[in-house]
N, C-alpha and C. Protein backbone atom coordinates (compact mmCIF):
# COMPACT_ATOMS: atom_id res chain seq x y z
N MET A 1 113.56 123.91 36.79
CA MET A 1 113.90 124.29 38.12
C MET A 1 114.91 123.00 38.62
N ARG A 2 114.81 121.96 38.00
CA ARG A 2 115.54 120.81 38.45
C ARG A 2 117.23 121.51 38.57
N GLY A 3 117.86 120.94 39.50
CA GLY A 3 119.18 121.17 39.61
C GLY A 3 119.32 122.20 40.71
N LEU A 4 118.41 122.98 41.20
CA LEU A 4 118.48 123.99 42.15
C LEU A 4 117.99 123.30 43.50
N ALA A 5 118.54 124.03 44.59
CA ALA A 5 118.40 123.38 45.93
C ALA A 5 117.99 124.25 46.93
N LEU A 6 117.15 123.89 47.86
CA LEU A 6 116.80 124.67 49.17
C LEU A 6 117.36 124.13 50.23
N SER A 7 117.90 124.82 51.39
CA SER A 7 118.54 124.26 52.13
C SER A 7 117.34 123.92 53.37
N ALA A 8 117.73 122.86 54.05
CA ALA A 8 116.70 122.44 55.27
C ALA A 8 116.62 123.70 56.27
N PRO A 9 117.49 124.27 56.53
CA PRO A 9 117.35 125.47 57.56
C PRO A 9 116.32 126.61 56.98
N TYR A 10 116.49 126.94 55.59
CA TYR A 10 115.77 127.87 54.95
C TYR A 10 114.31 127.54 54.90
N LEU A 11 114.03 126.18 54.60
CA LEU A 11 112.62 125.59 54.58
C LEU A 11 112.13 125.73 55.84
N SER A 12 112.77 125.47 56.89
CA SER A 12 112.26 125.29 58.24
C SER A 12 111.98 126.78 58.67
N GLN A 13 112.79 127.70 58.32
CA GLN A 13 112.51 129.16 58.55
C GLN A 13 111.25 129.58 57.67
N LEU A 14 110.94 129.07 56.54
CA LEU A 14 109.86 129.53 55.80
C LEU A 14 108.66 128.88 56.62
N ARG A 15 108.78 127.63 57.07
CA ARG A 15 107.60 126.93 57.72
C ARG A 15 107.12 127.62 58.93
N THR A 16 108.18 128.09 59.66
CA THR A 16 107.98 128.68 61.17
C THR A 16 107.51 129.98 60.93
N GLY A 17 107.65 130.66 59.93
CA GLY A 17 107.56 132.23 59.66
C GLY A 17 108.85 133.06 60.00
N GLU A 18 109.78 132.52 60.44
CA GLU A 18 110.84 133.18 60.64
C GLU A 18 111.35 133.98 59.48
N ARG A 19 111.12 133.30 58.32
CA ARG A 19 111.40 133.99 57.02
C ARG A 19 110.32 134.16 56.24
N LYS A 20 110.06 135.32 55.69
CA LYS A 20 108.76 135.35 54.84
C LYS A 20 109.10 136.01 53.42
N ARG A 21 107.99 135.89 52.79
CA ARG A 21 108.03 136.22 51.12
C ARG A 21 109.25 135.64 50.55
N PRO A 22 109.19 134.46 50.39
CA PRO A 22 110.18 133.58 49.41
C PRO A 22 110.19 134.10 48.02
N SER A 23 111.08 134.00 47.53
CA SER A 23 111.16 134.35 45.87
C SER A 23 110.14 133.69 44.97
N GLU A 24 109.81 134.09 43.97
CA GLU A 24 108.82 133.36 43.01
C GLU A 24 109.55 132.20 42.69
N GLN A 25 110.83 132.20 42.57
CA GLN A 25 111.68 131.08 42.14
C GLN A 25 111.63 129.77 43.17
N THR A 26 111.70 130.40 44.36
CA THR A 26 111.48 129.39 45.44
C THR A 26 110.22 128.64 45.61
N VAL A 27 109.17 129.59 45.54
CA VAL A 27 107.78 128.97 45.39
C VAL A 27 107.60 127.99 44.26
N GLU A 28 108.17 128.36 43.07
CA GLU A 28 108.01 127.39 42.14
C GLU A 28 108.83 126.17 42.28
N MET A 29 109.84 126.17 42.98
CA MET A 29 110.68 124.92 43.38
C MET A 29 109.65 124.21 44.36
N ILE A 30 109.32 124.93 45.61
CA ILE A 30 108.33 124.02 46.46
C ILE A 30 107.35 123.32 45.81
N ALA A 31 106.59 124.26 44.82
CA ALA A 31 105.35 123.53 44.13
C ALA A 31 105.73 122.34 43.38
N GLU A 32 106.94 122.51 42.51
CA GLU A 32 107.24 121.55 41.78
C GLU A 32 107.63 120.35 42.54
N PHE A 33 108.24 120.42 43.61
CA PHE A 33 108.50 119.18 44.50
C PHE A 33 107.24 118.57 45.00
N PHE A 34 106.12 119.16 45.22
CA PHE A 34 104.88 118.65 45.73
C PHE A 34 104.09 118.26 44.79
N GLY A 35 104.51 118.66 43.39
CA GLY A 35 103.70 118.26 42.14
C GLY A 35 102.29 118.96 42.12
N ILE A 36 102.30 120.16 42.55
CA ILE A 36 101.21 121.23 42.56
C ILE A 36 101.64 122.62 41.84
N ARG A 37 100.56 123.30 41.61
CA ARG A 37 100.70 124.49 40.94
C ARG A 37 101.15 125.54 41.99
N SER A 38 102.03 126.45 41.58
CA SER A 38 102.46 127.69 42.66
C SER A 38 101.41 128.42 42.87
N GLU A 39 100.24 128.63 42.29
CA GLU A 39 99.26 129.39 42.69
C GLU A 39 98.63 128.82 44.17
N TYR A 40 98.79 127.53 44.63
CA TYR A 40 98.39 126.99 45.78
C TYR A 40 98.84 127.89 46.94
N PHE A 41 100.08 128.40 46.83
CA PHE A 41 100.71 129.26 47.91
C PHE A 41 100.51 130.97 47.51
N THR A 42 100.26 131.30 46.26
CA THR A 42 100.32 132.56 45.92
C THR A 42 98.88 133.20 45.68
N SER A 43 98.05 132.40 45.22
CA SER A 43 96.64 132.91 45.03
C SER A 43 95.59 132.08 45.62
N PRO A 44 95.45 132.28 46.94
CA PRO A 44 94.28 131.49 47.66
C PRO A 44 92.94 131.76 47.03
N GLU A 45 92.81 132.87 46.37
CA GLU A 45 91.48 133.24 45.80
C GLU A 45 91.24 132.71 44.46
N SER A 46 92.01 131.94 43.94
CA SER A 46 91.95 131.25 42.59
C SER A 46 91.09 130.26 42.79
N GLY A 47 90.92 129.49 43.96
CA GLY A 47 89.98 128.32 44.13
C GLY A 47 90.83 127.18 43.96
N TYR A 48 92.06 127.10 43.42
CA TYR A 48 92.88 126.03 43.22
C TYR A 48 93.25 125.23 44.64
N GLY A 49 93.59 126.02 45.65
CA GLY A 49 93.71 125.19 46.85
C GLY A 49 92.43 124.32 47.25
N GLU A 50 91.32 125.00 47.31
CA GLU A 50 90.05 124.40 47.74
C GLU A 50 89.98 122.98 46.70
N TRP A 51 90.12 123.31 45.34
CA TRP A 51 90.07 122.17 44.54
C TRP A 51 90.98 121.08 44.82
N LEU A 52 92.34 121.27 45.24
CA LEU A 52 93.29 120.44 45.49
C LEU A 52 92.97 119.80 46.87
N ASP A 53 92.38 120.54 47.89
CA ASP A 53 91.92 119.95 49.06
C ASP A 53 90.87 118.87 48.81
N SER A 54 90.14 119.11 48.04
CA SER A 54 88.68 118.22 47.75
C SER A 54 89.37 117.06 47.05
N GLU A 55 90.24 117.21 46.22
CA GLU A 55 90.84 116.07 45.44
C GLU A 55 91.59 115.08 46.56
N LEU A 56 92.41 115.72 47.57
CA LEU A 56 93.05 114.88 48.35
C LEU A 56 92.06 114.21 49.47
N ARG A 57 90.85 114.93 49.62
CA ARG A 57 89.80 114.09 50.41
C ARG A 57 89.38 112.89 49.69
N TRP A 58 89.10 112.93 48.47
CA TRP A 58 88.71 111.82 47.73
C TRP A 58 89.55 110.91 47.60
N LEU A 59 90.87 111.11 47.48
CA LEU A 59 92.05 110.10 47.60
C LEU A 59 91.99 109.38 48.85
N GLU A 60 91.84 110.07 50.04
CA GLU A 60 91.79 109.65 51.29
C GLU A 60 90.47 108.49 51.46
N VAL A 61 89.51 108.91 50.81
CA VAL A 61 88.26 108.00 50.94
C VAL A 61 88.61 106.80 49.94
N ALA A 62 89.18 107.00 48.73
CA ALA A 62 89.59 106.02 47.88
C ALA A 62 90.44 104.81 48.51
N HIS A 63 91.25 105.25 49.43
CA HIS A 63 92.26 104.20 50.35
C HIS A 63 91.37 103.45 51.39
N ASP A 64 90.23 103.81 51.40
CA ASP A 64 89.38 103.04 52.63
C ASP A 64 88.90 101.69 52.00
N PRO A 65 89.31 100.58 52.59
CA PRO A 65 89.34 99.16 52.03
C PRO A 65 87.83 98.91 51.78
N ASP A 66 86.83 99.33 52.50
CA ASP A 66 85.46 99.18 52.28
C ASP A 66 85.01 99.90 50.91
N VAL A 67 85.25 101.12 50.91
CA VAL A 67 85.07 101.96 49.71
C VAL A 67 85.54 101.34 48.38
N ARG A 68 86.79 100.53 48.37
CA ARG A 68 87.37 100.04 47.41
C ARG A 68 86.90 98.88 46.84
N ARG A 69 86.33 98.08 47.89
CA ARG A 69 85.69 96.73 47.66
C ARG A 69 84.22 97.09 47.04
N LEU A 70 83.36 98.02 47.66
CA LEU A 70 82.12 98.40 47.11
C LEU A 70 82.30 98.83 45.59
N THR A 71 83.30 99.81 45.41
CA THR A 71 83.44 100.25 44.03
C THR A 71 83.74 99.30 43.06
N THR A 72 84.67 98.60 43.45
CA THR A 72 85.05 97.22 42.64
C THR A 72 83.72 96.56 42.21
N MET A 73 82.95 96.24 43.08
CA MET A 73 81.71 95.44 42.88
C MET A 73 80.66 96.32 42.06
N LEU A 74 80.56 97.53 42.30
CA LEU A 74 79.71 98.33 41.52
C LEU A 74 80.15 98.45 40.03
N THR A 75 81.52 98.63 39.88
CA THR A 75 81.81 98.80 38.60
C THR A 75 81.62 97.26 37.72
N ALA A 76 81.65 96.27 38.53
CA ALA A 76 81.40 95.14 37.68
C ALA A 76 79.93 94.79 37.22
N LEU A 77 78.87 95.49 37.83
CA LEU A 77 77.65 95.55 37.42
C LEU A 77 77.16 96.23 36.26
N ASP A 78 76.30 95.61 35.44
CA ASP A 78 75.73 96.33 34.23
C ASP A 78 75.13 97.76 34.53
N THR A 79 75.05 98.62 33.58
CA THR A 79 74.53 99.99 33.89
C THR A 79 73.08 99.90 34.59
N ASP A 80 72.31 99.06 33.78
CA ASP A 80 70.74 99.24 34.38
C ASP A 80 70.82 99.05 35.90
N THR A 81 71.49 97.78 36.29
CA THR A 81 71.59 97.45 37.67
C THR A 81 72.21 98.57 38.61
N ARG A 82 73.29 99.37 38.05
CA ARG A 82 73.99 100.43 38.92
C ARG A 82 72.83 101.49 38.90
N GLU A 83 72.38 101.82 37.82
CA GLU A 83 71.28 102.90 37.80
C GLU A 83 70.00 102.60 38.88
N GLN A 84 69.80 101.26 38.90
CA GLN A 84 68.55 101.02 39.97
C GLN A 84 69.03 101.11 41.38
N LEU A 85 70.34 100.76 41.48
CA LEU A 85 70.84 100.77 42.95
C LEU A 85 70.91 102.39 43.37
N MET A 86 71.40 102.96 42.46
CA MET A 86 71.64 104.42 42.67
C MET A 86 70.31 105.24 43.05
N SER A 87 69.39 104.86 42.23
CA SER A 87 67.84 105.35 42.29
C SER A 87 67.40 104.87 43.71
N ALA A 88 67.44 103.67 44.12
CA ALA A 88 67.10 103.17 45.35
C ALA A 88 67.66 103.89 46.56
N ALA A 89 69.03 104.16 46.33
CA ALA A 89 69.75 105.00 47.17
C ALA A 89 69.48 106.43 47.35
N GLY A 90 68.57 106.94 46.40
CA GLY A 90 68.37 108.44 46.30
C GLY A 90 69.57 109.27 45.61
N ILE A 91 70.49 108.67 44.92
CA ILE A 91 71.42 109.30 44.19
C ILE A 91 71.15 109.74 42.82
């Protein structure tokens, strides 16, 4: 798909709903730009969109400084200690 371009006005029209039903090639280009599969746009029943949204929520959590600090500390512990902490936390 590289080498092809979509104009800013056309993308704006798609975003606002002024233009509908983009071609399969257009959908593929947009998906490639965002690094996702085209089924995010074309097959909501596939579950890919839900999976992707879930992954994005985890990435958001991972950027929390407290979560990062806690995770770093937990990974430094030996397995038995981690298991004990998880058990105490009810995990």
